Amino acid sequence: MRTFSIIAVCAINLVIGLVYIVQIRRREISPALAMWVFFTIATIGSLLTYLAEGDFSPWDNILNSADLFLVSSVSIAILLYGDRSTRFNRFDIGCLICRGPHPDCVDLHASARDGAQRDSADPRHRLLPSSKAALALFKEQ
């Protein structure tokens, strides 16, 4: 059953990805690059979190592994074949700054693996940066 699941998930994602990339190439659709980059970042984070929590392989979470290939392939296709409307704008960059990990953020996975206690009041454990950087970016317009 495991082999069937792996093959089925990979086949479905391959078909979805190919159809989407062909539509992008033919300019039938113009998806936003930012959305697919955010999907890629989220999928990487999800897969890394899963792998860090135990003795697992990418095959054990085939849906995230296959999704990573799908979303990164679509992101690259948009980058290569998308028109100007698909590119990052100031709003997208501001969202990326707001949702990205804080520069002072400690490695929470390593802390969890090492059995370290996490203090939610500790400013190093913030996952979101101050919105001042994003606001400054928007005010430049």
N, C-alpha and C. Protein backbone atom coordinates (compact mmCIF):
# COMPACT_ATOMS: atom_id res chain seq x y z
N MET A 1 0.82 -1.19 0.00
CA MET A 1 0.00 0.00 0.00
C MET A 1 0.87 1.27 0.00
N ARG A 2 2.00 1.21 0.69
CA ARG A 2 2.88 2.37 0.74
C ARG A 2 3.39 2.71 -0.66
N THR A 3 3.82 1.70 -1.40
CA THR A 3 4.33 1.93 -2.75
C THR A 3 3.24 2.52 -3.64
N PHE A 4 2.03 2.00 -3.52
CA PHE A 4 0.91 2.53 -4.30
C PHE A 4 0.67 4.00 -3.96
N SER A 5 0.69 4.34 -2.69
CA SER A 5 0.47 5.72 -2.25
C SER A 5 1.53 6.65 -2.82
N ILE A 6 2.78 6.22 -2.77
CA ILE A 6 3.87 7.04 -3.30
C ILE A 6 3.67 7.28 -4.79
N ILE A 7 3.38 6.22 -5.53
CA ILE A 7 3.20 6.34 -6.98
C ILE A 7 1.98 7.21 -7.30
N ALA A 8 0.88 7.00 -6.59
CA ALA A 8 -0.34 7.77 -6.85
C ALA A 8 -0.13 9.26 -6.57
N VAL A 9 0.47 9.59 -5.44
CA VAL A 9 0.69 10.99 -5.09
C VAL A 9 1.62 11.65 -6.09
N CYS A 10 2.69 10.97 -6.45
CA CYS A 10 3.64 11.54 -7.41
C CYS A 10 2.99 11.71 -8.79
N ALA A 11 2.20 10.74 -9.22
CA ALA A 11 1.54 10.83 -10.52
C ALA A 11 0.54 11.98 -10.55
N ILE A 12 -0.26 12.11 -9.50
CA ILE A 12 -1.24 13.20 -9.44
C ILE A 12 -0.54 14.55 -9.46
N ASN A 13 0.48 14.72 -8.63
CA ASN A 13 1.20 15.99 -8.60
C ASN A 13 1.91 16.28 -9.91
N LEU A 14 2.43 15.26 -10.56
CA LEU A 14 3.09 15.44 -11.86
C LEU A 14 2.10 15.96 -12.89
N VAL A 15 0.92 15.35 -12.95
CA VAL A 15 -0.11 15.79 -13.90
C VAL A 15 -0.54 17.22 -13.60
N ILE A 16 -0.81 17.52 -12.33
CA ILE A 16 -1.22 18.87 -11.95
C ILE A 16 -0.14 19.88 -12.33
N GLY A 17 1.10 19.56 -12.00
CA GLY A 17 2.21 20.46 -12.30
C GLY A 17 2.39 20.69 -13.79
N LEU A 18 2.35 19.62 -14.57
CA LEU A 18 2.52 19.75 -16.03
C LEU A 18 1.41 20.59 -16.65
N VAL A 19 0.17 20.33 -16.25
CA VAL A 19 -0.95 21.11 -16.78
C VAL A 19 -0.78 22.59 -16.43
N TYR A 20 -0.43 22.86 -15.20
CA TYR A 20 -0.26 24.24 -14.75
C TYR A 20 0.89 24.92 -15.49
N ILE A 21 2.01 24.22 -15.65
CA ILE A 21 3.16 24.81 -16.33
C ILE A 21 2.85 25.06 -17.81
N VAL A 22 2.15 24.15 -18.45
CA VAL A 22 1.75 24.34 -19.85
C VAL A 22 0.84 25.56 -19.97
N GLN A 23 -0.10 25.73 -19.04
CA GLN A 23 -0.98 26.89 -19.07
C GLN A 23 -0.20 28.19 -18.86
N ILE A 24 0.80 28.15 -18.00
CA ILE A 24 1.64 29.34 -17.79
C ILE A 24 2.42 29.64 -19.06
N ARG A 25 3.00 28.63 -19.65
CA ARG A 25 3.82 28.78 -20.87
C ARG A 25 2.98 29.35 -22.01
N ARG A 26 1.73 28.90 -22.15
CA ARG A 26 0.84 29.38 -23.21
C ARG A 26 0.20 30.72 -22.86
N ARG A 27 0.49 31.23 -21.68
CA ARG A 27 -0.06 32.49 -21.17
C ARG A 27 -1.59 32.44 -21.05
N GLU A 28 -2.10 31.25 -20.76
CA GLU A 28 -3.53 31.10 -20.49
C GLU A 28 -3.87 31.56 -19.08
N ILE A 29 -2.89 31.48 -18.20
CA ILE A 29 -3.05 31.92 -16.81
C ILE A 29 -1.83 32.74 -16.43
N SER A 30 -2.00 33.62 -15.46
CA SER A 30 -0.90 34.45 -14.95
C SER A 30 -0.91 34.44 -13.43
N PRO A 31 -0.50 33.33 -12.82
CA PRO A 31 -0.49 33.27 -11.35
C PRO A 31 0.59 34.18 -10.77
N ALA A 32 0.35 34.66 -9.58
CA ALA A 32 1.31 35.54 -8.91
C ALA A 32 2.51 34.74 -8.41
N LEU A 33 3.68 35.20 -8.76
CA LEU A 33 4.91 34.54 -8.31
C LEU A 33 5.00 34.52 -6.80
N ALA A 34 4.60 35.62 -6.16
CA ALA A 34 4.69 35.70 -4.70
C ALA A 34 3.91 34.57 -4.03
N MET A 35 2.72 34.29 -4.52
CA MET A 35 1.90 33.25 -3.90
C MET A 35 2.62 31.90 -3.97
N TRP A 36 3.22 31.59 -5.10
CA TRP A 36 3.87 30.29 -5.27
C TRP A 36 5.19 30.23 -4.51
N VAL A 37 5.87 31.35 -4.37
CA VAL A 37 7.07 31.38 -3.53
C VAL A 37 6.68 31.16 -2.08
N PHE A 38 5.58 31.79 -1.64
CA PHE A 38 5.10 31.57 -0.27
C PHE A 38 4.71 30.11 -0.07
N PHE A 39 4.04 29.50 -1.07
CA PHE A 39 3.71 28.08 -0.98
C PHE A 39 4.97 27.23 -0.84
N THR A 40 6.00 27.58 -1.60
CA THR A 40 7.26 26.83 -1.55
C THR A 40 7.88 26.93 -0.17
N ILE A 41 7.93 28.13 0.37
CA ILE A 41 8.49 28.35 1.71
C ILE A 41 7.70 27.56 2.75
N ALA A 42 6.38 27.62 2.66
CA ALA A 42 5.54 26.89 3.62
C ALA A 42 5.74 25.38 3.52
N THR A 43 5.86 24.88 2.30
CA THR A 43 6.05 23.44 2.11
C THR A 43 7.41 22.99 2.64
N ILE A 44 8.43 23.79 2.39
CA ILE A 44 9.76 23.48 2.93
C ILE A 44 9.70 23.45 4.46
N GLY A 45 9.07 24.46 5.05
CA GLY A 45 8.95 24.50 6.50
C GLY A 45 8.20 23.31 7.06
N SER A 46 7.13 22.94 6.40
CA SER A 46 6.33 21.80 6.85
C SER A 46 7.13 20.50 6.76
N LEU A 47 7.82 20.30 5.65
CA LEU A 47 8.60 19.07 5.48
C LEU A 47 9.77 19.02 6.46
N LEU A 48 10.47 20.12 6.64
CA LEU A 48 11.59 20.14 7.58
C LEU A 48 11.12 19.90 9.01
N THR A 49 9.98 20.48 9.36
CA THR A 49 9.44 20.26 10.70
C THR A 49 9.12 18.78 10.91
N TYR A 50 8.51 18.17 9.91
CA TYR A 50 8.18 16.75 9.99
C TYR A 50 9.44 15.90 10.15
N LEU A 51 10.44 16.18 9.32
CA LEU A 51 11.67 15.39 9.34
C LEU A 51 12.45 15.59 10.65
N ALA A 52 12.34 16.78 11.24
CA ALA A 52 13.07 17.07 12.47
C ALA A 52 12.45 16.40 13.70
N GLU A 53 11.21 15.98 13.59
CA GLU A 53 10.51 15.45 14.76
C GLU A 53 10.74 13.97 15.00
N GLY A 54 11.53 13.33 14.20
CA GLY A 54 11.76 11.91 14.43
C GLY A 54 12.64 11.31 13.36
N ASP A 55 12.70 10.01 13.36
CA ASP A 55 13.52 9.28 12.40
C ASP A 55 12.68 9.00 11.15
N PHE A 56 12.42 10.05 10.37
CA PHE A 56 11.57 9.94 9.19
C PHE A 56 12.38 10.26 7.94
N SER A 57 11.88 9.81 6.81
CA SER A 57 12.49 10.14 5.53
C SER A 57 11.46 10.92 4.71
N PRO A 58 11.89 11.56 3.63
CA PRO A 58 10.93 12.24 2.76
C PRO A 58 9.85 11.30 2.20
N TRP A 59 10.16 10.03 2.08
CA TRP A 59 9.18 9.05 1.59
C TRP A 59 8.06 8.83 2.60
N ASP A 60 8.34 9.05 3.88
CA ASP A 60 7.32 8.88 4.91
C ASP A 60 6.26 9.96 4.85
N ASN A 61 6.60 11.10 4.30
CA ASN A 61 5.65 12.20 4.12
C ASN A 61 5.66 12.57 2.64
N ILE A 62 5.23 11.62 1.83
CA ILE A 62 5.32 11.77 0.38
C ILE A 62 4.50 12.95 -0.13
N LEU A 63 3.39 13.27 0.54
CA LEU A 63 2.59 14.39 0.06
C LEU A 63 3.37 15.70 0.14
N ASN A 64 4.04 15.96 1.25
CA ASN A 64 4.86 17.18 1.35
C ASN A 64 6.05 17.13 0.41
N SER A 65 6.67 15.97 0.27
CA SER A 65 7.82 15.84 -0.62
C SER A 65 7.41 16.11 -2.07
N ALA A 66 6.31 15.52 -2.49
CA ALA A 66 5.83 15.72 -3.86
C ALA A 66 5.33 17.15 -4.04
N ASP A 67 4.68 17.71 -3.02
CA ASP A 67 4.22 19.10 -3.09
C ASP A 67 5.39 20.06 -3.24
N LEU A 68 6.50 19.77 -2.57
CA LEU A 68 7.68 20.62 -2.69
C LEU A 68 8.15 20.68 -4.14
N PHE A 69 8.19 19.54 -4.79
CA PHE A 69 8.57 19.50 -6.20
C PHE A 69 7.56 20.27 -7.05
N LEU A 70 6.27 20.09 -6.77
CA LEU A 70 5.22 20.76 -7.53
C LEU A 70 5.30 22.28 -7.38
N VAL A 71 5.30 22.78 -6.16
CA VAL A 71 5.25 24.23 -5.95
C VAL A 71 6.54 24.91 -6.40
N SER A 72 7.68 24.26 -6.22
CA SER A 72 8.93 24.87 -6.68
C SER A 72 9.00 24.86 -8.20
N SER A 73 8.50 23.82 -8.85
CA SER A 73 8.48 23.77 -10.32
C SER A 73 7.57 24.86 -10.89
N VAL A 74 6.41 25.04 -10.28
CA VAL A 74 5.50 26.09 -10.73
C VAL A 74 6.12 27.46 -10.50
N SER A 75 6.78 27.65 -9.37
CA SER A 75 7.46 28.93 -9.09
C SER A 75 8.50 29.23 -10.16
N ILE A 76 9.28 28.24 -10.52
CA ILE A 76 10.31 28.43 -11.55
C ILE A 76 9.67 28.72 -12.90
N ALA A 77 8.58 28.02 -13.22
CA ALA A 77 7.88 28.26 -14.49
C ALA A 77 7.33 29.69 -14.54
N ILE A 78 6.78 30.17 -13.44
CA ILE A 78 6.27 31.55 -13.40
C ILE A 78 7.42 32.52 -13.58
N LEU A 79 8.55 32.24 -12.92
CA LEU A 79 9.71 33.11 -13.04
C LEU A 79 10.22 33.17 -14.48
N LEU A 80 10.25 32.03 -15.14
CA LEU A 80 10.77 31.96 -16.51
C LEU A 80 9.78 32.44 -17.56
N TYR A 81 8.51 32.08 -17.42
CA TYR A 81 7.54 32.31 -18.48
C TYR A 81 6.45 33.32 -18.14
N GLY A 82 6.39 33.76 -16.90
CA GLY A 82 5.33 34.68 -16.50
C GLY A 82 5.54 36.08 -17.07
N ASP A 83 4.44 36.80 -17.18
CA ASP A 83 4.55 38.18 -17.66
C ASP A 83 4.84 39.12 -16.49
N ARG A 84 4.90 40.41 -16.81
CA ARG A 84 5.26 41.38 -15.77
C ARG A 84 4.26 41.41 -14.61
N SER A 85 3.01 41.07 -14.88
CA SER A 85 2.00 41.13 -13.82
C SER A 85 2.21 40.05 -12.76
N THR A 86 3.02 39.04 -13.07
CA THR A 86 3.24 37.95 -12.11
C THR A 86 4.39 38.23 -11.16
N ARG A 87 5.18 39.25 -11.41
CA ARG A 87 6.37 39.53 -10.61
C ARG A 87 6.03 40.07 -9.23
N PHE A 88 7.05 40.08 -8.36
CA PHE A 88 6.90 40.65 -7.03
C PHE A 88 6.71 42.15 -7.13
N ASN A 89 5.81 42.68 -6.32
CA ASN A 89 5.68 44.13 -6.19
C ASN A 89 6.01 44.50 -4.74
N ARG A 90 5.90 45.77 -4.40
CA ARG A 90 6.26 46.20 -3.04
C ARG A 90 5.38 45.52 -1.98
N PHE A 91 4.11 45.34 -2.29
CA PHE A 91 3.22 44.69 -1.34
C PHE A 91 3.67 43.26 -1.07
N ASP A 92 4.02 42.52 -2.13
CA ASP A 92 4.47 41.14 -1.98
C ASP A 92 5.75 41.06 -1.16
N ILE A 93 6.67 41.99 -1.42
CA ILE A 93 7.93 42.01 -0.67
C ILE A 93 7.66 42.32 0.80
N GLY A 94 6.73 43.25 1.06
CA GLY A 94 6.37 43.56 2.44
C GLY A 94 5.77 42.36 3.15
N CYS A 95 4.93 41.61 2.44
CA CYS A 95 4.34 40.40 3.04
C CYS A 95 5.42 39.37 3.32
N LEU A 96 6.38 39.24 2.42
CA LEU A 96 7.46 38.28 2.63
C LEU A 96 8.29 38.66 3.85
N ILE A 97 8.53 39.96 4.02
CA ILE A 97 9.27 40.43 5.19
C ILE A 97 8.48 40.14 6.48
N CYS A 98 7.18 40.40 6.44
CA CYS A 98 6.34 40.20 7.64
C CYS A 98 6.20 38.73 8.00
N ARG A 99 6.17 37.84 7.02
CA ARG A 99 5.95 36.43 7.29
C ARG A 99 7.24 35.64 7.43
N GLY A 100 8.36 36.23 7.08
CA GLY A 100 9.62 35.51 7.15
C GLY A 100 10.09 35.35 8.57
N PRO A 101 11.02 34.44 8.80
CA PRO A 101 11.54 34.26 10.15
C PRO A 101 12.30 35.50 10.60
N HIS A 102 12.21 35.80 11.87
CA HIS A 102 12.92 36.94 12.44
C HIS A 102 14.41 36.63 12.43
N PRO A 103 15.26 37.61 12.11
CA PRO A 103 16.70 37.36 12.08
C PRO A 103 17.27 36.85 13.40
N ASP A 104 16.62 37.21 14.52
CA ASP A 104 17.12 36.78 15.82
C ASP A 104 16.47 35.48 16.30
N CYS A 105 15.64 34.91 15.45
CA CYS A 105 14.91 33.69 15.85
C CYS A 105 15.88 32.54 16.04
N VAL A 106 15.75 31.85 17.14
CA VAL A 106 16.61 30.69 17.38
C VAL A 106 16.04 29.49 16.67
N ASP A 107 16.84 28.47 16.51
CA ASP A 107 16.39 27.25 15.86
C ASP A 107 15.51 26.47 16.82
N LEU A 108 14.20 26.61 16.64
CA LEU A 108 13.26 25.98 17.56
C LEU A 108 13.29 24.46 17.43
N HIS A 109 13.59 23.97 16.24
CA HIS A 109 13.65 22.52 16.06
C HIS A 109 14.81 21.94 16.84
N ALA A 110 15.95 22.60 16.78
CA ALA A 110 17.11 22.11 17.53
C ALA A 110 16.83 22.18 19.02
N SER A 111 16.16 23.24 19.46
CA SER A 111 15.82 23.36 20.88
C SER A 111 14.90 22.23 21.31
N ALA A 112 13.94 21.91 20.46
CA ALA A 112 13.00 20.83 20.80
C ALA A 112 13.72 19.49 20.82
N ARG A 113 14.59 19.26 19.85
CA ARG A 113 15.34 18.00 19.80
C ARG A 113 16.25 17.85 21.01
N ASP A 114 16.86 18.95 21.42
CA ASP A 114 17.80 18.90 22.54
C ASP A 114 17.09 18.92 23.89
N GLY A 115 15.78 19.03 23.87
CA GLY A 115 15.02 19.03 25.11
C GLY A 115 15.07 20.35 25.84
N ALA A 116 15.52 21.40 25.17
CA ALA A 116 15.61 22.71 25.82
C ALA A 116 14.21 23.29 26.02
N GLN A 117 14.06 24.01 27.09
CA GLN A 117 12.79 24.66 27.36
C GLN A 117 12.72 25.94 26.54
N ARG A 118 11.54 26.21 25.98
CA ARG A 118 11.35 27.44 25.22
C ARG A 118 10.53 28.40 26.05
N ASP A 119 11.04 29.59 26.21
CA ASP A 119 10.35 30.63 26.95
C ASP A 119 9.66 31.54 25.94
N SER A 120 8.33 31.50 25.89
CA SER A 120 7.60 32.28 24.89
C SER A 120 7.79 33.79 25.09
N ALA A 121 8.22 34.21 26.28
CA ALA A 121 8.45 35.63 26.52
C ALA A 121 9.82 36.07 26.00
N ASP A 122 10.69 35.11 25.70
CA ASP A 122 12.03 35.42 25.20
C ASP A 122 11.92 36.01 23.80
N PRO A 123 12.43 37.24 23.58
CA PRO A 123 12.30 37.88 22.26
C PRO A 123 13.00 37.11 21.15
N ARG A 124 13.93 36.22 21.48
CA ARG A 124 14.60 35.45 20.43
C ARG A 124 13.66 34.42 19.81
N HIS A 125 12.53 34.13 20.44
CA HIS A 125 11.62 33.12 19.93
C HIS A 125 10.49 33.69 19.09
N ARG A 126 10.60 34.95 18.73
CA ARG A 126 9.58 35.55 17.88
C ARG A 126 9.67 34.93 16.49
N LEU A 127 8.53 34.66 15.88
CA LEU A 127 8.52 34.13 14.53
C LEU A 127 8.23 35.21 13.51
N LEU A 128 7.68 36.32 13.94
CA LEU A 128 7.38 37.41 13.02
C LEU A 128 8.25 38.61 13.37
N PRO A 129 8.78 39.27 12.34
CA PRO A 129 9.60 40.47 12.62
C PRO A 129 8.71 41.65 12.97
N SER A 130 9.33 42.68 13.43
CA SER A 130 8.61 43.92 13.67
C SER A 130 8.04 44.39 12.34
N SER A 131 6.85 44.93 12.37
CA SER A 131 6.24 45.39 11.12
C SER A 131 6.82 46.73 10.68
N LYS A 132 7.74 47.29 11.46
CA LYS A 132 8.34 48.58 11.09
C LYS A 132 9.06 48.50 9.75
N ALA A 133 9.75 47.40 9.47
CA ALA A 133 10.47 47.27 8.20
C ALA A 133 9.49 47.24 7.03
N ALA A 134 8.37 46.53 7.19
CA ALA A 134 7.38 46.47 6.13
C ALA A 134 6.72 47.83 5.93
N LEU A 135 6.40 48.52 7.03
CA LEU A 135 5.79 49.83 6.91
C LEU A 135 6.72 50.83 6.25
N ALA A 136 8.01 50.74 6.57
CA ALA A 136 8.97 51.64 5.94
C ALA A 136 9.03 51.38 4.45
N LEU A 137 8.93 50.14 4.05
CA LEU A 137 8.96 49.79 2.63
C LEU A 137 7.74 50.38 1.92
N PHE A 138 6.57 50.32 2.55
CA PHE A 138 5.36 50.84 1.94
C PHE A 138 5.39 52.37 1.87
N LYS A 139 6.00 53.02 2.87
CA LYS A 139 6.03 54.48 2.90
C LYS A 139 6.96 55.05 1.84
N GLU A 140 7.86 54.26 1.30
CA GLU A 140 8.78 54.74 0.27
C GLU A 140 8.07 55.08 -1.04
N GLN A 141 6.89 54.55 -1.23
CA GLN A 141 6.18 54.75 -2.50
C GLN A 141 5.83 56.19 -2.74
